[in-house]
PDB file of N, CA and C in Angstrom:
ATOM      1  N   MET A   1       2.132 -22.374 -16.154  1.00  0.00           N
ATOM      2  CA  MET A   1       3.844 -21.046 -16.101  1.00  0.00           C
ATOM      3  C   MET A   1       4.705 -21.842 -17.074  1.00  0.00           C
ATOM      4  N   THR A   2       5.477 -20.676 -17.404  1.00  0.00           N
ATOM      5  CA  THR A   2       5.912 -21.402 -18.683  1.00  0.00           C
ATOM      6  C   THR A   2       7.561 -21.583 -17.750  1.00  0.00           C
ATOM      7  N   THR A   3       7.865 -22.090 -17.873  1.00  0.00           N
ATOM      8  CA  THR A   3      10.015 -22.771 -17.574  1.00  0.00           C
ATOM      9  C   THR A   3      10.925 -21.739 -18.746  1.00  0.00           C
ATOM     10  N   VAL A   4      12.614 -20.881 -19.205  1.00  0.00           N
ATOM     11  CA  VAL A   4      12.780 -20.279 -19.538  1.00  0.00           C
ATOM     12  C   VAL A   4      14.308 -20.983 -19.127  1.00  0.00           C
ATOM     13  N   GLY A   5      15.506 -21.421 -19.913  1.00  0.00           N
ATOM     14  CA  GLY A   5      16.643 -20.878 -19.397  1.00  0.00           C
ATOM     15  C   GLY A   5      17.489 -20.172 -19.016  1.00  0.00           C
ATOM     16  N   LEU A   6      18.255 -19.620 -19.046  1.00  0.00           N
ATOM     17  CA  LEU A   6      18.648 -18.349 -18.553  1.00  0.00           C
ATOM     18  C   LEU A   6      19.251 -17.209 -20.016  1.00  0.00           C
ATOM     19  N   ARG A   7      19.725 -18.971 -20.575  1.00  0.00           N
ATOM     20  CA  ARG A   7      20.278 -17.843 -21.394  1.00  0.00           C
ATOM     21  C   ARG A   7      18.997 -17.233 -22.668  1.00  0.00           C
ATOM     22  N   GLU A   8      18.250 -18.473 -23.377  1.00  0.00           N
ATOM     23  CA  GLU A   8      16.619 -17.694 -23.541  1.00  0.00           C
ATOM     24  C   GLU A   8      16.261 -15.706 -22.685  1.00  0.00           C
ATOM     25  N   LEU A   9      16.078 -15.777 -21.404  1.00  0.00           N
ATOM     26  CA  LEU A   9      16.109 -15.340 -20.456  1.00  0.00           C
ATOM     27  C   LEU A   9      17.222 -13.867 -20.572  1.00  0.00           C
ATOM     28  N   ARG A  10      18.540 -13.764 -21.256  1.00  0.00           N
ATOM     29  CA  ARG A  10      19.489 -12.802 -21.352  1.00  0.00           C
ATOM     30  C   ARG A  10      18.610 -12.724 -23.204  1.00  0.00           C
ATOM     31  N   GLN A  11      18.438 -13.323 -23.919  1.00  0.00           N
ATOM     32  CA  GLN A  11      18.144 -13.180 -25.167  1.00  0.00           C
ATOM     33  C   GLN A  11      16.600 -12.799 -25.514  1.00  0.00           C
ATOM     34  N   ASN A  12      16.050 -12.508 -24.442  1.00  0.00           N
ATOM     35  CA  ASN A  12      14.438 -12.494 -24.856  1.00  0.00           C
ATOM     36  C   ASN A  12      14.234 -11.401 -23.985  1.00  0.00           C
ATOM     37  N   ALA A  13      14.749 -10.590 -23.194  1.00  0.00           N
ATOM     38  CA  ALA A  13      14.296 -10.452 -21.419  1.00  0.00           C
ATOM     39  C   ALA A  13      13.748  -9.305 -21.016  1.00  0.00           C
ATOM     40  N   SER A  14      13.422  -8.598 -22.332  1.00  0.00           N
ATOM     41  CA  SER A  14      12.162  -7.383 -22.439  1.00  0.00           C
ATOM     42  C   SER A  14      10.740  -8.649 -23.426  1.00  0.00           C
ATOM     43  N   GLU A  15      10.585  -9.222 -23.719  1.00  0.00           N
ATOM     44  CA  GLU A  15       9.194 -10.157 -24.070  1.00  0.00           C
ATOM     45  C   GLU A  15       9.076 -10.473 -22.434  1.00  0.00           C
ATOM     46  N   ILE A  16       9.935 -11.068 -22.709  1.00  0.00           N
ATOM     47  CA  ILE A  16       9.496 -12.554 -20.812  1.00  0.00           C
ATOM     48  C   ILE A  16       9.111 -11.090 -19.861  1.00  0.00           C
ATOM     49  N   VAL A  17       9.744 -10.092 -19.677  1.00  0.00           N
ATOM     50  CA  VAL A  17       9.224  -9.415 -18.650  1.00  0.00           C
ATOM     51  C   VAL A  17       7.613  -8.401 -19.094  1.00  0.00           C
ATOM     52  N   ARG A  18       7.542  -8.222 -20.384  1.00  0.00           N
ATOM     53  CA  ARG A  18       6.196  -7.921 -20.337  1.00  0.00           C
ATOM     54  C   ARG A  18       5.455  -8.766 -19.865  1.00  0.00           C
ATOM     55  N   ARG A  19       5.363 -10.230 -20.496  1.00  0.00           N
ATOM     56  CA  ARG A  19       4.789 -11.352 -20.116  1.00  0.00           C
ATOM     57  C   ARG A  19       4.720 -11.376 -18.543  1.00  0.00           C
ATOM     58  N   VAL A  20       5.345 -11.272 -18.129  1.00  0.00           N
ATOM     59  CA  VAL A  20       5.604 -11.115 -16.725  1.00  0.00           C
ATOM     60  C   VAL A  20       4.478 -10.381 -16.038  1.00  0.00           C
ATOM     61  N   GLU A  21       5.002  -9.276 -16.749  1.00  0.00           N
ATOM     62  CA  GLU A  21       3.524  -7.754 -16.357  1.00  0.00           C
ATOM     63  C   GLU A  21       2.297  -8.512 -16.608  1.00  0.00           C
ATOM     64  N   ALA A  22       1.906  -8.924 -17.376  1.00  0.00           N
ATOM     65  CA  ALA A  22       0.690  -8.955 -18.029  1.00  0.00           C
ATOM     66  C   ALA A  22       0.302 -10.377 -17.153  1.00  0.00           C
ATOM     67  N   GLY A  23       1.026 -11.084 -16.195  1.00  0.00           N
ATOM     68  CA  GLY A  23       0.522 -11.706 -15.498  1.00  0.00           C
ATOM     69  C   GLY A  23       0.668 -13.001 -15.193  1.00  0.00           C
ATOM     70  N   GLU A  24       1.523 -13.430 -16.121  1.00  0.00           N
ATOM     71  CA  GLU A  24       2.604 -14.718 -15.992  1.00  0.00           C
ATOM     72  C   GLU A  24       3.830 -14.889 -15.363  1.00  0.00           C
ATOM     73  N   GLU A  25       3.776 -15.673 -14.998  1.00  0.00           N
ATOM     74  CA  GLU A  25       4.397 -16.592 -13.978  1.00  0.00           C
ATOM     75  C   GLU A  25       5.891 -17.565 -14.270  1.00  0.00           C
ATOM     76  N   VAL A  26       6.994 -17.464 -15.311  1.00  0.00           N
ATOM     77  CA  VAL A  26       8.197 -17.842 -15.474  1.00  0.00           C
ATOM     78  C   VAL A  26       9.250 -18.433 -14.768  1.00  0.00           C
ATOM     79  N   GLN A  27       9.546 -19.332 -14.865  1.00  0.00           N
ATOM     80  CA  GLN A  27      10.521 -19.769 -14.152  1.00  0.00           C
ATOM     81  C   GLN A  27      11.528 -19.901 -14.832  1.00  0.00           C
ATOM     82  N   VAL A  28      13.001 -19.625 -14.412  1.00  0.00           N
ATOM     83  CA  VAL A  28      14.515 -19.224 -15.089  1.00  0.00           C
ATOM     84  C   VAL A  28      14.945 -20.551 -14.574  1.00  0.00           C
ATOM     85  N   THR A  29      15.551 -21.281 -15.239  1.00  0.00           N
ATOM     86  CA  THR A  29      16.618 -22.425 -15.409  1.00  0.00           C
ATOM     87  C   THR A  29      18.036 -22.441 -14.929  1.00  0.00           C
ATOM     88  N   VAL A  30      18.825 -22.799 -14.591  1.00  0.00           N
ATOM     89  CA  VAL A  30      20.414 -22.973 -15.063  1.00  0.00           C
ATOM     90  C   VAL A  30      21.050 -24.027 -15.211  1.00  0.00           C
ATOM     91  N   ALA A  31      21.415 -24.509 -16.184  1.00  0.00           N
ATOM     92  CA  ALA A  31      21.999 -26.416 -16.428  1.00  0.00           C
ATOM     93  C   ALA A  31      20.785 -26.921 -16.425  1.00  0.00           C
ATOM     94  N   GLY A  32      19.293 -26.179 -16.256  1.00  0.00           N
ATOM     95  CA  GLY A  32      18.298 -28.011 -16.651  1.00  0.00           C
ATOM     96  C   GLY A  32      18.117 -27.589 -14.944  1.00  0.00           C
ATOM     97  N   ARG A  33      18.025 -26.741 -14.566  1.00  0.00           N
ATOM     98  CA  ARG A  33      18.037 -27.269 -12.101  1.00  0.00           C
ATOM     99  C   ARG A  33      17.210 -25.559 -12.726  1.00  0.00           C
ATOM    100  N   LEU A  34      16.445 -25.563 -11.684  1.00  0.00           N
ATOM    101  CA  LEU A  34      15.317 -24.510 -11.611  1.00  0.00           C
ATOM    102  C   LEU A  34      15.980 -23.671 -10.843  1.00  0.00           C
ATOM    103  N   ALA A  35      16.101 -22.303 -10.703  1.00  0.00           N
ATOM    104  CA  ALA A  35      16.970 -21.424 -10.185  1.00  0.00           C
ATOM    105  C   ALA A  35      16.383 -20.015  -9.751  1.00  0.00           C
ATOM    106  N   ALA A  36      15.086 -19.753 -10.515  1.00  0.00           N
ATOM    107  CA  ALA A  36      14.356 -18.683 -10.011  1.00  0.00           C
ATOM    108  C   ALA A  36      13.253 -18.267 -10.625  1.00  0.00           C
ATOM    109  N   ARG A  37      11.974 -17.401  -9.650  1.00  0.00           N
ATOM    110  CA  ARG A  37      10.854 -17.803 -10.640  1.00  0.00           C
ATOM    111  C   ARG A  37      10.006 -16.122 -11.137  1.00  0.00           C
ATOM    112  N   MET A  38       9.889 -15.800 -11.337  1.00  0.00           N
ATOM    113  CA  MET A  38       9.641 -13.841 -11.738  1.00  0.00           C
ATOM    114  C   MET A  38       8.427 -14.028 -11.920  1.00  0.00           C
ATOM    115  N   VAL A  39       7.509 -13.622 -11.167  1.00  0.00           N
ATOM    116  CA  VAL A  39       6.173 -12.905 -11.045  1.00  0.00           C
ATOM    117  C   VAL A  39       6.108 -11.784 -11.144  1.00  0.00           C
ATOM    118  N   PRO A  40       4.624 -11.267 -10.924  1.00  0.00           N
ATOM    119  CA  PRO A  40       4.018 -10.242 -11.322  1.00  0.00           C
ATOM    120  C   PRO A  40       4.435  -9.348  -9.850  1.00  0.00           C
ATOM    121  N   ALA A  41       4.861  -8.190  -9.555  1.00  0.00           N
ATOM    122  CA  ALA A  41       5.500  -7.304  -8.877  1.00  0.00           C
ATOM    123  C   ALA A  41       4.017  -7.091  -8.079  1.00  0.00           C
ATOM    124  N   SER A  42       2.598  -6.491  -8.880  1.00  0.00           N
ATOM    125  CA  SER A  42       1.045  -6.468  -8.203  1.00  0.00           C
ATOM    126  C   SER A  42       0.280  -7.381  -8.077  1.00  0.00           C
ATOM    127  N   PRO A  43       0.099  -8.129  -7.111  1.00  0.00           N
ATOM    128  CA  PRO A  43      -1.251  -9.541  -8.188  1.00  0.00           C
ATOM    129  C   PRO A  43      -2.122  -8.618  -8.997  1.00  0.00           C
ATOM    130  N   ALA A  44      -2.480 -10.211  -9.724  1.00  0.00           N
ATOM    131  CA  ALA A  44      -3.471 -10.179 -11.134  1.00  0.00           C
ATOM    132  C   ALA A  44      -4.854  -9.394  -9.954  1.00  0.00           C
ATOM    133  N   ARG A  45      -5.577  -9.365  -9.856  1.00  0.00           N
ATOM    134  CA  ARG A  45      -6.848  -8.579 -10.162  1.00  0.00           C
ATOM    135  C   ARG A  45      -7.605  -9.940 -10.277  1.00  0.00           C
ATOM    136  N   TRP A  46      -8.432 -10.586 -10.678  1.00  0.00           N
ATOM    137  CA  TRP A  46      -8.858 -11.823 -11.398  1.00  0.00           C
ATOM    138  C   TRP A  46      -7.724 -12.403 -10.981  1.00  0.00           C
ATOM    139  N   GLN A  47      -8.412 -14.022 -10.774  1.00  0.00           N
ATOM    140  CA  GLN A  47      -8.356 -14.747 -10.452  1.00  0.00           C
ATOM    141  C   GLN A  47      -8.368 -16.380 -11.195  1.00  0.00           C
ATOM    142  N   ARG A  48      -7.731 -17.047 -11.682  1.00  0.00           N
ATOM    143  CA  ARG A  48      -8.467 -17.897 -12.331  1.00  0.00           C
ATOM    144  C   ARG A  48      -9.170 -18.395 -12.092  1.00  0.00           C
ATOM    145  N   TRP A  49     -10.425 -20.262 -11.783  1.00  0.00           N
ATOM    146  CA  TRP A  49     -11.221 -20.469 -11.440  1.00  0.00           C
ATOM    147  C   TRP A  49     -10.173 -21.672 -10.722  1.00  0.00           C
ATOM    148  N   ASP A  50      -9.247 -22.658 -11.016  1.00  0.00           N
ATOM    149  CA  ASP A  50      -8.747 -23.316 -10.585  1.00  0.00           C
ATOM    150  C   ASP A  50      -7.835 -22.943  -9.974  1.00  0.00           C
ATOM    151  N   ASP A  51      -7.519 -21.750  -9.512  1.00  0.00           N
ATOM    152  CA  ASP A  51      -6.595 -20.990  -8.109  1.00  0.00           C
ATOM    153  C   ASP A  51      -7.279 -20.601  -7.068  1.00  0.00           C
ATOM    154  N   ILE A  52      -8.751 -20.531  -7.044  1.00  0.00           N
ATOM    155  CA  ILE A  52      -9.727 -20.365  -5.612  1.00  0.00           C
ATOM    156  C   ILE A  52     -10.696 -20.936  -5.827  1.00  0.00           C
ATOM    157  N   ALA A  53      -9.740 -22.511  -6.756  1.00  0.00           N
ATOM    158  CA  ALA A  53     -11.731 -23.047  -5.873  1.00  0.00           C
ATOM    159  C   ALA A  53     -11.914 -23.646  -4.957  1.00  0.00           C
ATOM    160  N   ASP A  54     -10.574 -24.359  -3.808  1.00  0.00           N
ATOM    161  CA  ASP A  54     -10.257 -24.366  -2.795  1.00  0.00           C
ATOM    162  C   ASP A  54     -11.183 -23.132  -1.707  1.00  0.00           C
ATOM    163  N   LEU A  55     -10.992 -22.687  -1.917  1.00  0.00           N
ATOM    164  CA  LEU A  55     -12.123 -21.877  -1.192  1.00  0.00           C
ATOM    165  C   LEU A  55     -13.136 -22.326  -0.848  1.00  0.00           C
ATOM    166  N   PHE A  56     -14.028 -22.467  -2.146  1.00  0.00           N
ATOM    167  CA  PHE A  56     -15.528 -22.762  -1.922  1.00  0.00           C
ATOM    168  C   PHE A  56     -15.750 -24.136  -1.571  1.00  0.00           C
ATOM    169  N   ALA A  57     -15.189 -25.401  -1.596  1.00  0.00           N
ATOM    170  CA  ALA A  57     -14.661 -26.388  -1.609  1.00  0.00           C
ATOM    171  C   ALA A  57     -15.403 -26.658  -0.363  1.00  0.00           C
ATOM    172  N   GLY A  58     -15.133 -25.863   0.481  1.00  0.00           N
ATOM    173  CA  GLY A  58     -16.433 -25.911   1.754  1.00  0.00           C
ATOM    174  C   GLY A  58     -18.225 -26.761   2.168  1.00  0.00           C
ATOM    175  N   ARG A  59     -18.546 -26.833   3.181  1.00  0.00           N
ATOM    176  CA  ARG A  59     -20.119 -27.071   3.296  1.00  0.00           C
ATOM    177  C   ARG A  59     -20.162 -25.784   3.236  1.00  0.00           C
ATOM    178  N   ALA A  60     -21.842 -26.115   2.615  1.00  0.00           N
ATOM    179  CA  ALA A  60     -22.810 -24.821   2.809  1.00  0.00           C
ATOM    180  C   ALA A  60     -23.062 -24.123   3.435  1.00  0.00           C
ATOM    181  N   ASP A  61     -23.022 -23.345   3.848  1.00  0.00           N
ATOM    182  CA  ASP A  61     -23.451 -22.091   5.498  1.00  0.00           C
ATOM    183  C   ASP A  61     -25.268 -23.316   5.891  1.00  0.00           C
ATOM    184  N   PRO A  62     -25.915 -23.895   6.538  1.00  0.00           N
ATOM    185  CA  PRO A  62     -26.588 -24.054   6.896  1.00  0.00           C
ATOM    186  C   PRO A  62     -28.314 -23.410   6.920  1.00  0.00           C
ATOM    187  N   ASP A  63     -27.895 -22.077   7.526  1.00  0.00           N
ATOM    188  CA  ASP A  63     -28.621 -20.924   7.619  1.00  0.00           C
ATOM    189  C   ASP A  63     -28.909 -20.766   6.085  1.00  0.00           C
ATOM    190  N   TRP A  64     -28.260 -20.125   5.312  1.00  0.00           N
ATOM    191  CA  TRP A  64     -28.047 -20.313   3.857  1.00  0.00           C
ATOM    192  C   TRP A  64     -29.450 -19.377   3.399  1.00  0.00           C
ATOM    193  N   THR A  65     -30.499 -19.981   3.769  1.00  0.00           N
ATOM    194  CA  THR A  65     -32.006 -20.324   2.962  1.00  0.00           C
ATOM    195  C   THR A  65     -32.622 -19.474   4.630  1.00  0.00           C
ATOM    196  N   LYS A  66     -32.572 -19.234   5.734  1.00  0.00           N
ATOM    197  CA  LYS A  66     -33.046 -18.430   6.244  1.00  0.00           C
ATOM    198  C   LYS A  66     -32.796 -17.346   5.629  1.00  0.00           C
ATOM    199  N   ASP A  67     -31.364 -16.856   6.247  1.00  0.00           N
ATOM    200  CA  ASP A  67     -30.667 -15.772   5.992  1.00  0.00           C
ATOM    201  C   ASP A  67     -31.358 -14.555   4.366  1.00  0.00           C
ATOM    202  N   GLN A  68     -31.830 -15.253   3.117  1.00  0.00           N
ATOM    203  CA  GLN A  68     -32.519 -15.556   1.943  1.00  0.00           C
ATOM    204  C   GLN A  68     -32.895 -15.226   2.070  1.00  0.00           C
ATOM    205  N   GLU A  69     -34.159 -15.210   2.936  1.00  0.00           N
ATOM    206  CA  GLU A  69     -35.383 -14.707   3.342  1.00  0.00           C
ATOM    207  C   GLU A  69     -35.381 -13.536   4.148  1.00  0.00           C
ATOM    208  N   LEU A  70     -33.861 -12.947   4.533  1.00  0.00           N
ATOM    209  CA  LEU A  70     -34.188 -11.693   5.490  1.00  0.00           C
ATOM    210  C   LEU A  70     -33.397 -10.289   4.149  1.00  0.00           C
ATOM    211  N   ILE A  71     -33.375 -10.757   2.967  1.00  0.00           N
ATOM    212  CA  ILE A  71     -32.746 -10.054   1.569  1.00  0.00           C
ATOM    213  C   ILE A  71     -34.320  -9.610   1.433  1.00  0.00           C
ATOM    214  N   ASP A  72     -33.770  -7.695   1.025  1.00  0.00           N
ATOM    215  CA  ASP A  72     -35.351  -7.171   0.959  1.00  0.00           C
ATOM    216  C   ASP A  72     -35.272  -8.033  -1.211  1.00  0.00           C
ATOM    217  N   GLN A  73     -36.209  -7.588  -1.649  1.00  0.00           N
ATOM    218  CA  GLN A  73     -36.228  -9.098  -2.756  1.00  0.00           C
ATOM    219  C   GLN A  73     -37.194  -7.435  -4.153  1.00  0.00           C
ATOM    220  N   SER A  74     -36.997  -6.589  -3.002  1.00  0.00           N
ATOM    221  CA  SER A  74     -37.767  -6.016  -4.356  1.00  0.00           C
ATOM    222  C   SER A  74     -36.573  -5.489  -4.431  1.00  0.00           C
ATOM    223  N   PHE A  75     -36.734  -3.903  -5.395  1.00  0.00           N
ATOM    224  CA  PHE A  75     -35.944  -3.644  -6.503  1.00  0.00           C
ATOM    225  C   PHE A  75     -36.528  -1.807  -6.881  1.00  0.00           C
ATOM    226  N   SER A  76     -35.346  -0.955  -6.860  1.00  0.00           N
ATOM    227  CA  SER A  76     -35.978   0.012  -7.126  1.00  0.00           C
ATOM    228  C   SER A  76     -34.919   0.622  -8.324  1.00  0.00           C
ATOM    229  N   ASN A  77     -35.306   2.304  -8.643  1.00  0.00           N
ATOM    230  CA  ASN A  77     -34.868   2.899  -9.544  1.00  0.00           C
ATOM    231  C   ASN A  77     -33.790   3.751  -8.929  1.00  0.00           C
ATOM    232  N   VAL A  78     -32.852   3.624  -8.318  1.00  0.00           N
ATOM    233  CA  VAL A  78     -31.732   4.868  -7.273  1.00  0.00           C
ATOM    234  C   VAL A  78     -32.064   6.745  -8.279  1.00  0.00           C
ATOM    235  N   TRP A  79     -31.991   6.540  -9.657  1.00  0.00           N
ATOM    236  CA  TRP A  79     -31.765   7.992 -10.658  1.00  0.00           C
ATOM    237  C   TRP A  79     -32.749   7.740 -11.235  1.00  0.00           C
ATOM    238  N   GLU A  80     -34.237   7.467 -10.615  1.00  0.00           N
ATOM    239  CA  GLU A  80     -34.947   7.127 -10.686  1.00  0.00           C
ATOM    240  C   GLU A  80     -36.288   9.017 -10.076  1.00  0.00           C
ATOM    241  N   ASP A  81     -35.986  10.415 -11.005  1.00  0.00           N
ATOM    242  CA  ASP A  81     -36.976  11.105  -9.969  1.00  0.00           C
ATOM    243  C   ASP A  81     -38.084  11.308  -9.336  1.00  0.00           C
ATOM    244  N   SER A  82     -38.482  10.946  -8.243  1.00  0.00           N
ATOM    245  CA  SER A  82     -39.407  10.913  -7.525  1.00  0.00           C
ATOM    246  C   SER A  82     -40.287  11.690  -7.788  1.00  0.00           C
ATOM    247  N   SER A  83     -39.994  12.776  -8.399  1.00  0.00           N
ATOM    248  CA  SER A  83     -40.920  14.303  -8.547  1.00  0.00           C
ATOM    249  C   SER A  83     -42.066  14.317  -9.705  1.00  0.00           C
ATOM    250  N   GLU A  84     -42.416  13.750 -10.661  1.00  0.00           N
ATOM    251  CA  GLU A  84     -42.833  14.087 -12.359  1.00  0.00           C
ATOM    252  C   GLU A  84     -42.155  15.446 -13.105  1.00  0.00           C
ATOM    253  N   GLY A  85     -41.768  15.370 -13.990  1.00  0.00           N
ATOM    254  CA  GLY A  85     -41.636  16.761 -14.266  1.00  0.00           C
ATOM    255  C   GLY A  85     -40.440  17.398 -13.866  1.00  0.00           C
ATOM    256  N   ALA A  86     -39.896  17.506 -12.783  1.00  0.00           N
ATOM    257  CA  ALA A  86     -38.715  18.416 -11.647  1.00  0.00           C
ATOM    258  C   ALA A  86     -37.639  17.701 -12.907  1.00  0.00           C
ATOM    259  N   THR A  87     -36.614  19.255 -13.615  1.00  0.00           N
ATOM    260  CA  THR A  87     -35.492  19.978 -14.192  1.00  0.00           C
ATOM    261  C   THR A  87     -34.607  19.778 -13.510  1.00  0.00           C
TER     262      THR A  87
END
């Protein structure tokens, strides 16, 4: 996360807002103290692994192996025309 002072924000507002729109978070300080945080208006579609790694920290599902056996392992081409020579 980037930190900018109020003076820098005033001088480079367009550039800083573009960076925030691109997904960067910016902290704004006044006299060295944190005053505000600028974050994108809509959340980023992609997340960094470091931001979501805790979601995968739990124990593995004990039934996972059994569930895998239930998955149909055969593959087929859904775009393949079953009737040869049809146009």
